[in-house]
Amino acid sequence: MLYCCLAVQLLGRVFNILRENNPELAGDRRRTVMRPPQVLREGTKKTVFVNFMDLFSDLAQIVPRKGGMHRQPDHVMAFLLAELGTSGSLDGQQRLVVKGRFAPKNFEGILRRYVNEYVICIGCKSPDTILSKENRLFFLRCEKCGSGRSVAPIKAGFVARVGRRNTGT
């Protein structure tokens, strides 16, 4: 009986020290929280993702490190446009202008898929990862647990050609 109480006390001390030194290992996980996308309509055929560049400052706060987030805005933009099956570009105010009418739910779901595929580590569920390109392949390396995996390249879906074609006659 005495050994049981002593073992419980020792385990309690070990877990207290663990929580003090490494809170992420003791089960106190950080939640990945991003602001919802602010989406406006511009005319009848364009959608504007107003806080697109704020997304990178949000992810830099989730994954604090000197260089900010290790994702390029071009990579996220290419994923968004491929998933939406449309074209778009950044305007002078750093807003993403997309051809077509889309709801904020569309952008939110696609961003969630991007984070699951290209940001979150599968092994430890940490967002503290680096996306790098080696030999025409993208690799996701976790800075917390050290695991790595290759991730699928972004594939653009079918985008219909609209407008007049040059007939060449």
Protein backbone atom coordinates (compact mmCIF):
# COMPACT_ATOMS: atom_id res chain seq x y z
CA MET A 1 0.00 0.00 0.00
CA LEU A 2 2.84 2.36 0.83
CA TYR A 3 4.50 1.67 -2.53
CA CYS A 4 1.26 2.46 -4.36
CA CYS A 5 0.92 5.89 -2.71
CA LEU A 6 4.60 6.63 -3.30
CA ALA A 7 4.28 5.67 -6.99
CA VAL A 8 1.23 7.92 -7.43
CA GLN A 9 3.09 10.84 -5.83
CA LEU A 10 6.15 10.29 -8.02
CA LEU A 11 4.02 10.09 -11.16
CA GLY A 12 2.26 13.29 -10.14
CA ARG A 13 5.60 15.05 -9.74
CA VAL A 14 6.81 13.77 -13.11
CA PHE A 15 3.69 15.04 -14.89
CA ASN A 16 3.90 18.42 -13.13
CA ILE A 17 7.51 18.85 -14.25
CA LEU A 18 6.55 17.71 -17.76
CA ARG A 19 3.71 20.27 -17.93
CA GLU A 20 5.99 23.08 -16.73
CA ASN A 21 8.80 22.36 -19.20
CA ASN A 22 6.87 21.05 -22.23
CA PRO A 23 3.18 22.01 -22.14
CA GLU A 24 2.61 20.72 -25.70
CA LEU A 25 3.69 17.19 -24.69
CA ALA A 26 1.38 17.02 -21.69
CA GLY A 27 -1.81 17.23 -23.71
CA ASP A 28 -2.30 21.01 -23.49
CA ARG A 29 -2.56 21.49 -27.25
CA ARG A 30 -2.80 24.77 -29.05
CA ARG A 31 -5.85 25.14 -31.22
CA THR A 32 -5.39 26.22 -34.79
CA VAL A 33 -7.72 29.20 -35.15
CA MET A 34 -7.97 31.37 -38.23
CA ARG A 35 -10.23 34.28 -38.97
CA PRO A 36 -13.06 33.43 -41.36
CA PRO A 37 -12.57 34.62 -44.94
CA GLN A 38 -14.13 37.97 -45.82
CA VAL A 39 -15.61 37.52 -49.26
CA LEU A 40 -17.27 40.24 -51.32
CA ARG A 41 -18.82 40.32 -54.78
CA GLU A 42 -17.32 42.66 -57.31
CA GLY A 43 -19.82 43.09 -60.09
CA THR A 44 -21.73 40.00 -61.15
CA LYS A 45 -18.89 37.72 -62.22
CA LYS A 46 -16.09 38.27 -59.71
CA THR A 47 -15.54 37.37 -56.06
CA VAL A 48 -12.97 39.14 -53.88
CA PHE A 49 -11.23 37.41 -50.95
CA VAL A 50 -10.50 40.58 -48.95
CA ASN A 51 -8.37 39.18 -46.10
CA PHE A 52 -6.28 36.77 -48.20
CA MET A 53 -2.93 38.21 -47.06
CA ASP A 54 -4.13 38.32 -43.42
CA LEU A 55 -4.29 34.53 -43.66
CA PHE A 56 -0.49 34.42 -43.61
CA SER A 57 -0.22 36.58 -40.50
CA ASP A 58 -2.80 34.30 -38.81
CA LEU A 59 -0.79 31.21 -39.69
CA ALA A 60 2.43 32.92 -38.56
CA GLN A 61 0.81 33.46 -35.13
CA ILE A 62 -0.28 29.82 -35.00
CA VAL A 63 3.24 28.68 -35.90
CA PRO A 64 5.49 31.23 -34.20
CA ARG A 65 8.99 31.33 -35.68
CA LYS A 66 11.38 33.97 -36.93
CA GLY A 67 10.56 33.72 -40.62
CA GLY A 68 6.78 33.60 -40.19
CA MET A 69 4.85 30.95 -42.06
CA HIS A 70 6.83 28.70 -44.39
CA ARG A 71 4.17 28.88 -47.09
CA GLN A 72 4.26 31.10 -50.12
CA PRO A 73 1.10 33.08 -50.96
CA ASP A 74 1.46 31.81 -54.54
CA HIS A 75 1.19 28.20 -53.34
CA VAL A 76 -2.00 28.86 -51.35
CA MET A 77 -3.44 30.90 -54.21
CA ALA A 78 -2.68 28.12 -56.72
CA PHE A 79 -4.42 25.59 -54.44
CA LEU A 80 -7.48 27.83 -54.00
CA LEU A 81 -7.81 28.49 -57.73
CA ALA A 82 -7.30 24.82 -58.64
CA GLU A 83 -9.92 23.68 -56.12
CA LEU A 84 -12.38 26.33 -57.26
CA GLY A 85 -11.67 25.47 -60.91
CA THR A 86 -11.26 29.07 -61.96
CA SER A 87 -8.67 31.78 -62.48
CA GLY A 88 -7.76 34.80 -60.41
CA SER A 89 -5.03 37.16 -59.29
CA LEU A 90 -3.93 39.52 -56.53
CA ASP A 91 -4.93 43.14 -57.03
CA GLY A 92 -3.11 46.29 -55.88
CA GLN A 93 -4.60 46.07 -52.37
CA GLN A 94 -3.33 42.48 -51.92
CA ARG A 95 -6.84 41.04 -52.25
CA LEU A 96 -7.47 37.84 -54.19
CA VAL A 97 -9.85 38.50 -57.09
CA VAL A 98 -11.44 35.31 -58.44
CA LYS A 99 -13.57 34.86 -61.55
CA GLY A 100 -16.98 33.46 -60.64
CA ARG A 101 -19.44 33.68 -57.77
CA PHE A 102 -18.43 31.83 -54.61
CA ALA A 103 -19.71 31.80 -51.04
CA PRO A 104 -17.44 32.24 -47.98
CA LYS A 105 -18.16 28.57 -47.12
CA ASN A 106 -16.37 27.52 -50.31
CA PHE A 107 -13.20 29.39 -49.33
CA GLU A 108 -13.37 28.15 -45.73
CA GLY A 109 -13.64 24.50 -46.75
CA ILE A 110 -10.81 24.79 -49.24
CA LEU A 111 -8.55 26.53 -46.69
CA ARG A 112 -9.32 23.77 -44.19
CA ARG A 113 -8.29 21.15 -46.78
CA TYR A 114 -5.10 23.11 -47.53
CA VAL A 115 -4.15 23.20 -43.84
CA ASN A 116 -4.84 19.46 -43.44
CA GLU A 117 -2.86 18.56 -46.57
CA TYR A 118 0.02 21.05 -46.60
CA VAL A 119 0.40 22.37 -43.02
CA ILE A 120 -0.58 19.85 -40.30
CA CYS A 121 1.81 16.98 -39.47
CA ILE A 122 0.09 13.59 -39.70
CA GLY A 123 2.22 12.08 -36.92
CA CYS A 124 1.84 14.59 -34.09
CA LYS A 125 -0.89 16.92 -35.49
CA SER A 126 1.43 19.92 -35.07
CA PRO A 127 1.18 22.90 -37.44
CA ASP A 128 4.91 23.56 -36.93
CA THR A 129 6.00 22.24 -40.35
CA ILE A 130 8.09 23.32 -43.32
CA LEU A 131 7.01 22.76 -46.92
CA SER A 132 9.99 22.38 -49.25
CA LYS A 133 10.48 21.33 -52.84
CA GLU A 134 13.14 18.71 -53.62
CA ASN A 135 13.59 17.08 -57.03
CA ARG A 136 10.20 18.28 -58.33
CA LEU A 137 8.43 16.85 -55.25
CA PHE A 138 6.96 18.73 -52.30
CA PHE A 139 7.98 17.47 -48.85
CA LEU A 140 6.36 18.36 -45.54
CA ARG A 141 8.78 18.17 -42.61
CA CYS A 142 7.65 18.51 -39.00
CA GLU A 143 9.91 20.58 -36.77
CA LYS A 144 8.34 19.12 -33.64
CA CYS A 145 8.56 15.36 -34.16
CA GLY A 146 10.97 15.26 -37.11
CA SER A 147 8.75 13.21 -39.40
CA GLY A 148 8.48 13.92 -43.10
CA ARG A 149 6.26 12.96 -45.99
CA SER A 150 5.73 13.87 -49.59
CA VAL A 151 2.58 15.77 -50.44
CA ALA A 152 0.68 15.79 -53.70
CA PRO A 153 1.39 18.57 -56.17
CA ILE A 154 -1.39 21.02 -56.90
CA LYS A 155 -3.37 19.86 -59.92
CA ALA A 156 -5.41 22.38 -61.82
CA GLY A 157 -8.81 21.08 -62.81
CA PHE A 158 -10.50 21.72 -66.12
CA VAL A 159 -11.05 25.41 -66.82
CA ALA A 160 -13.20 26.13 -69.85
CA ARG A 161 -11.88 28.57 -72.43
CA VAL A 162 -14.27 31.45 -72.70
CA GLY A 163 -14.40 34.10 -75.35
CA ARG A 164 -13.62 34.21 -79.02
CA ARG A 165 -11.07 31.92 -80.55
CA ASN A 166 -8.82 32.86 -83.42
CA THR A 167 -10.04 30.77 -86.37
CA GLY A 168 -6.90 31.33 -88.46
CA THR A 169 -8.71 31.52 -91.82
